Protein backbone atom coordinates (compact mmCIF):
# COMPACT_ATOMS: atom_id res chain seq x y z
CA UNK A 1 13.12 31.83 -7.56
CA UNK A 2 13.34 28.04 -7.82
CA UNK A 3 14.65 26.19 -10.83
CA UNK A 4 12.62 23.38 -12.31
CA UNK A 5 14.07 19.98 -13.08
CA UNK A 6 15.02 20.20 -16.72
CA UNK A 7 17.26 18.26 -19.12
CA UNK A 8 19.34 20.33 -21.54
CA UNK A 9 21.33 18.58 -24.27
CA UNK A 10 24.55 20.23 -25.44
CA UNK A 11 27.66 19.23 -27.37
CA UNK A 12 31.04 18.56 -25.84
CA UNK A 13 32.43 21.70 -27.49
CA UNK A 14 29.71 23.85 -25.89
CA UNK A 15 30.45 22.36 -22.49
CA UNK A 16 34.19 22.95 -22.90
CA UNK A 17 33.46 26.54 -23.92
CA UNK A 18 31.50 27.15 -20.73
CA UNK A 19 34.20 25.68 -18.51
CA UNK A 20 37.32 26.99 -20.23
CA UNK A 21 37.82 29.77 -17.65
CA UNK A 22 37.54 27.32 -14.76
CA UNK A 23 40.47 24.82 -14.85
CA UNK A 24 39.14 22.70 -12.02
CA UNK A 25 35.81 22.17 -13.70
CA UNK A 26 37.48 21.61 -17.07
CA UNK A 27 39.66 18.89 -15.51
CA UNK A 28 36.50 17.38 -14.08
CA UNK A 29 34.97 17.46 -17.55
CA UNK A 30 38.00 15.82 -19.19
CA UNK A 31 37.92 13.08 -16.58
CA UNK A 32 34.23 12.65 -17.29
CA UNK A 33 34.92 12.45 -21.05
CA UNK A 34 37.04 9.33 -20.43
CA UNK A 35 34.76 6.36 -21.01
CA UNK A 36 34.93 4.07 -18.00
CA UNK A 37 34.06 1.04 -20.11
CA UNK A 38 36.48 1.18 -23.05
CA UNK A 39 38.90 3.78 -21.60
CA UNK A 40 38.58 5.82 -24.79
CA UNK A 41 39.50 9.46 -24.17
CA UNK A 42 37.44 12.36 -25.53
CA UNK A 43 34.80 9.95 -26.76
CA UNK A 44 31.73 11.53 -25.20
CA UNK A 45 30.36 13.99 -27.74
CA UNK A 46 26.85 14.81 -26.51
CA UNK A 47 25.94 15.67 -22.93
CA UNK A 48 22.78 16.20 -20.97
CA UNK A 49 22.95 18.52 -17.98
CA UNK A 50 20.14 18.00 -15.50
CA UNK A 51 19.58 20.50 -12.70
CA UNK A 52 17.60 18.51 -10.13
CA UNK A 53 14.94 19.64 -7.68
CA UNK A 54 17.47 19.96 -4.86
CA UNK A 55 19.84 22.03 -7.03
CA UNK A 56 22.39 19.28 -7.53
CA UNK A 57 23.61 18.62 -11.07
CA UNK A 58 23.73 15.42 -13.07
CA UNK A 59 25.76 15.22 -16.29
CA UNK A 60 25.03 12.35 -18.65
CA UNK A 61 26.67 11.32 -21.90
CA UNK A 62 27.26 8.39 -24.25
CA UNK A 63 30.56 7.08 -25.60
CA UNK A 64 30.77 7.38 -29.39
CA UNK A 65 33.04 4.31 -29.56
CA UNK A 66 31.37 1.65 -27.44
CA UNK A 67 27.97 3.28 -26.95
CA UNK A 68 27.99 2.89 -23.18
CA UNK A 69 26.47 5.57 -20.98
CA UNK A 70 28.56 7.52 -18.50
CA UNK A 71 27.35 9.96 -15.87
CA UNK A 72 28.53 12.15 -13.00
CA UNK A 73 26.37 13.32 -10.12
CA UNK A 74 27.22 16.23 -7.83
CA UNK A 75 26.23 15.02 -4.36
CA UNK A 76 26.58 18.48 -2.86
CA UNK A 77 24.80 21.64 -4.02
CA UNK A 78 26.96 23.34 -6.65
CA UNK A 79 28.60 26.67 -5.99
CA UNK A 80 27.21 29.87 -7.46
CA UNK A 81 29.41 29.71 -10.58
CA UNK A 82 28.42 26.13 -11.41
CA UNK A 83 24.75 26.85 -10.78
CA UNK A 84 24.93 30.02 -12.86
CA UNK A 85 25.96 28.19 -16.01
CA UNK A 86 23.63 25.28 -15.43
CA UNK A 87 20.83 27.81 -15.19
CA UNK A 88 22.00 29.53 -18.35
CA UNK A 89 21.87 26.23 -20.21
CA UNK A 90 18.43 25.51 -18.82
CA UNK A 91 16.90 28.86 -19.71
CA UNK A 92 18.48 29.03 -23.16
CA UNK A 93 17.37 25.47 -23.82
CA UNK A 94 13.81 26.55 -23.12
CA UNK A 95 14.17 29.41 -25.59
CA UNK A 96 14.34 32.19 -23.00
CA UNK A 97 16.65 35.11 -22.32
CA UNK A 98 18.77 33.96 -19.41
CA UNK A 99 20.34 37.33 -18.56
CA UNK A 100 17.29 38.87 -16.88
CA UNK A 101 16.37 35.61 -15.21
CA UNK A 102 19.86 35.09 -13.83
CA UNK A 103 20.22 38.63 -12.51
CA UNK A 104 16.94 38.29 -10.65
CA UNK A 105 17.82 34.83 -9.33
CA UNK A 106 21.29 35.80 -8.12
CA UNK A 107 20.05 39.05 -6.57
CA UNK A 108 17.27 37.26 -4.69
CA UNK A 109 19.62 34.52 -3.49
CA UNK A 110 22.17 37.07 -2.31
CA UNK A 111 19.57 39.14 -0.45
CA UNK A 112 18.14 36.07 1.28
CA UNK A 113 21.59 34.77 2.15
CA UNK A 114 22.53 38.10 3.75
CA UNK A 115 19.27 38.29 5.71
CA UNK A 116 19.63 34.72 6.97
CA UNK A 117 23.18 35.46 8.12
CA UNK A 118 22.04 38.64 9.86
CA UNK A 119 19.24 36.81 11.72
CA UNK A 120 21.76 34.16 12.79
CA UNK A 121 24.09 36.82 14.20
CA UNK A 122 21.25 38.50 16.07
CA UNK A 123 20.24 35.16 17.59
CA UNK A 124 23.75 34.68 19.00
CA UNK A 125 23.55 37.99 20.89
CA UNK A 126 19.92 38.02 22.09
CA UNK A 127 16.94 35.67 21.89
CA UNK A 128 15.23 35.63 18.46
CA UNK A 129 11.96 33.81 17.86
CA UNK A 130 9.90 33.04 14.77
CA UNK A 131 6.19 33.50 15.40
CA UNK A 132 4.41 31.14 13.03
CA UNK A 133 0.71 30.63 12.42
CA UNK A 134 -0.38 27.09 11.52
CA UNK A 135 -3.89 26.55 10.15
CA UNK A 136 -5.55 23.41 8.82
CA UNK A 137 -6.89 24.14 5.35
CA UNK A 138 -10.41 23.42 4.09
CA UNK A 139 -11.78 23.06 7.63
CA UNK A 140 -14.59 25.19 9.05
CA UNK A 141 -14.52 26.44 11.75
CA UNK A 142 -10.80 27.05 11.54
CA UNK A 143 -8.30 24.98 13.49
CA UNK A 144 -5.11 26.91 14.10
CA UNK A 145 -2.13 27.38 16.41
CA UNK A 146 0.26 30.27 16.97
CA UNK A 147 3.73 29.05 17.96
CA UNK A 148 7.07 30.55 18.88
CA UNK A 149 10.02 28.55 17.59
CA UNK A 150 13.72 29.19 17.15
CA UNK A 151 14.98 30.15 13.67
CA UNK A 152 17.39 27.22 13.88
CA UNK A 153 14.56 24.67 14.25
CA UNK A 154 15.04 21.81 11.79
CA UNK A 155 12.02 20.75 9.73
CA UNK A 156 12.33 17.28 11.23
CA UNK A 157 11.86 18.85 14.67
CA UNK A 158 9.09 21.14 13.42
CA UNK A 159 7.20 18.05 12.24
CA UNK A 160 7.23 16.71 15.81
CA UNK A 161 6.13 20.10 17.17
CA UNK A 162 3.20 20.26 14.74
CA UNK A 163 2.13 16.72 15.63
CA UNK A 164 1.90 17.66 19.30
CA UNK A 165 0.41 21.12 18.80
CA UNK A 166 -2.29 19.95 16.37
CA UNK A 167 -3.12 16.79 18.28
CA UNK A 168 -2.01 14.27 15.68
CA UNK A 169 -0.58 10.85 16.60
CA UNK A 170 2.20 10.58 13.97
CA UNK A 171 0.61 7.55 12.31
CA UNK A 172 0.98 8.70 8.69
CA UNK A 173 3.50 10.00 6.16
CA UNK A 174 4.26 13.70 6.01
CA UNK A 175 6.20 16.31 4.06
CA UNK A 176 6.85 20.04 3.84
CA UNK A 177 6.29 21.82 0.53
CA UNK A 178 7.96 25.11 -0.39
CA UNK A 179 7.93 26.52 -3.94
CA UNK A 180 7.42 23.11 -5.54
CA UNK A 181 10.23 21.58 -3.47
CA UNK A 182 9.35 18.75 -1.09
CA UNK A 183 11.14 18.13 2.20
CA UNK A 184 10.76 15.02 4.29
CA UNK A 185 12.12 11.51 4.70
CA UNK A 186 13.57 10.32 1.36
CA UNK A 187 12.23 7.01 0.10
CA UNK A 188 13.20 4.83 -2.86
CA UNK A 189 9.75 4.78 -4.48
CA UNK A 190 9.80 8.57 -4.90
CA UNK A 191 10.96 9.18 -8.51
CA UNK A 192 11.39 12.95 -8.24
CA UNK A 193 13.28 12.90 -4.97
CA UNK A 194 12.37 14.29 -1.58
CA UNK A 195 14.95 16.55 0.04
CA UNK A 196 16.06 15.18 3.40
CA UNK A 197 14.58 17.57 5.94
CA UNK A 198 16.80 16.73 8.90
CA UNK A 199 19.42 19.25 7.73
CA UNK A 200 16.94 21.93 6.60
CA UNK A 201 16.06 24.68 9.07
CA UNK A 202 12.94 26.79 9.09
CA UNK A 203 15.14 29.84 8.39
CA UNK A 204 16.25 28.17 5.14
CA UNK A 205 12.70 28.57 3.84
CA UNK A 206 11.07 31.45 5.75
CA UNK A 207 12.85 34.76 6.24
CA UNK A 208 10.21 37.48 5.87
CA UNK A 209 6.79 37.95 7.51
CA UNK A 210 3.89 36.58 5.42
CA UNK A 211 6.04 33.97 3.67
CA UNK A 212 4.39 30.54 3.75
CA UNK A 213 5.12 26.84 3.40
CA UNK A 214 2.81 23.82 3.47
CA UNK A 215 2.95 20.88 5.86
CA UNK A 216 1.09 17.86 4.48
CA UNK A 217 0.13 15.05 6.82
CA UNK A 218 -1.38 11.73 5.67
CA UNK A 219 -0.91 11.47 1.90
CA UNK A 220 -4.19 9.57 1.62
CA UNK A 221 -6.49 12.14 3.24
CA UNK A 222 -4.12 15.02 2.51
CA UNK A 223 -4.36 17.16 5.63
CA UNK A 224 -2.64 20.36 4.49
CA UNK A 225 -1.43 22.85 7.08
CA UNK A 226 -0.62 26.40 6.01
CA UNK A 227 2.43 27.65 7.92
CA UNK A 228 2.89 31.42 7.77
CA UNK A 229 5.71 33.39 9.32
CA UNK A 230 3.77 36.12 11.13
CA UNK A 231 6.61 37.95 12.82
CA UNK A 232 10.25 37.75 13.90
CA UNK A 233 10.76 38.77 17.51
CA UNK A 234 14.17 40.31 18.18
CA UNK A 235 15.68 41.13 21.60
CA UNK A 236 12.84 39.30 23.27
CA UNK A 237 12.85 38.06 26.83
CA UNK A 238 14.09 34.50 26.95
CA UNK A 239 11.21 32.06 26.64
CA UNK A 240 10.93 28.29 26.46
CA UNK A 241 10.71 27.29 22.83
CA UNK A 242 8.70 25.90 21.24
CA UNK A 243 5.83 27.74 22.88
CA UNK A 244 2.14 27.78 21.94
CA UNK A 245 0.75 31.33 22.29
CA UNK A 246 -2.78 30.70 21.09
CA UNK A 247 -5.06 28.64 18.94
CA UNK A 248 -8.53 27.39 18.21
CA UNK A 249 -9.95 23.93 17.78
CA UNK A 250 -13.40 22.47 17.66
CA UNK A 251 -14.89 19.77 19.83
CA UNK A 252 -18.31 18.50 18.90
CA UNK A 253 -20.42 18.54 22.02
CA UNK A 254 -24.23 18.78 22.12
CA UNK A 255 -24.25 20.15 18.60
CA UNK A 256 -21.84 22.94 19.39
CA UNK A 257 -18.28 23.69 18.39
CA UNK A 258 -15.74 25.23 20.73
């Protein structure tokens, strides 16, 4: 379950109440409450907490004395506790009951984290391969490839594999899309933020057969490729990876497609 980007405005007292059981975070808050412009302590009364698309957290406030804005940005994904309360603020701010939502979110994250760890351990003992099916959408007859890749394959590497397997020439922009999150090469003109895909592995997104992500190539023409995890092969004979195990393409020749 992914969290949407959402701004929630709360008071300083509410924020202190959330963090009172966590001294480290409370110290961080008190440091944040010190206005960097006029050095006035405890001057920031109203905060906005923004949980971004890549699950980092931005806190914004305004000094009641000089009126200047102050902000803190967590450059690394927050830990489970931090994310828990940011989610609570988000859901309550939208008028929902956070308890059911949070239980489901934390359970799903825990289950996926355990499965990812288990797959990683299996791969250290014997070869493990992801069998993925890549098909170009809205094309008839279908153009598709069936590939074997390692679970540790980075999305940046998978992009190169797809370019070769599908016969593209890597002339255009590209991105991966998973549950409204976008992974690719970050660029300044992107207001919502693209998650840098060089540190994201395929096993970060796909863990169960039939799960899918989208690979978009050429933002102008919008060539969308549906990537589905068909199977996970455990204890398999060692094979070169990546490996193409099948596919179909069409070549127009004398009015016929092959």
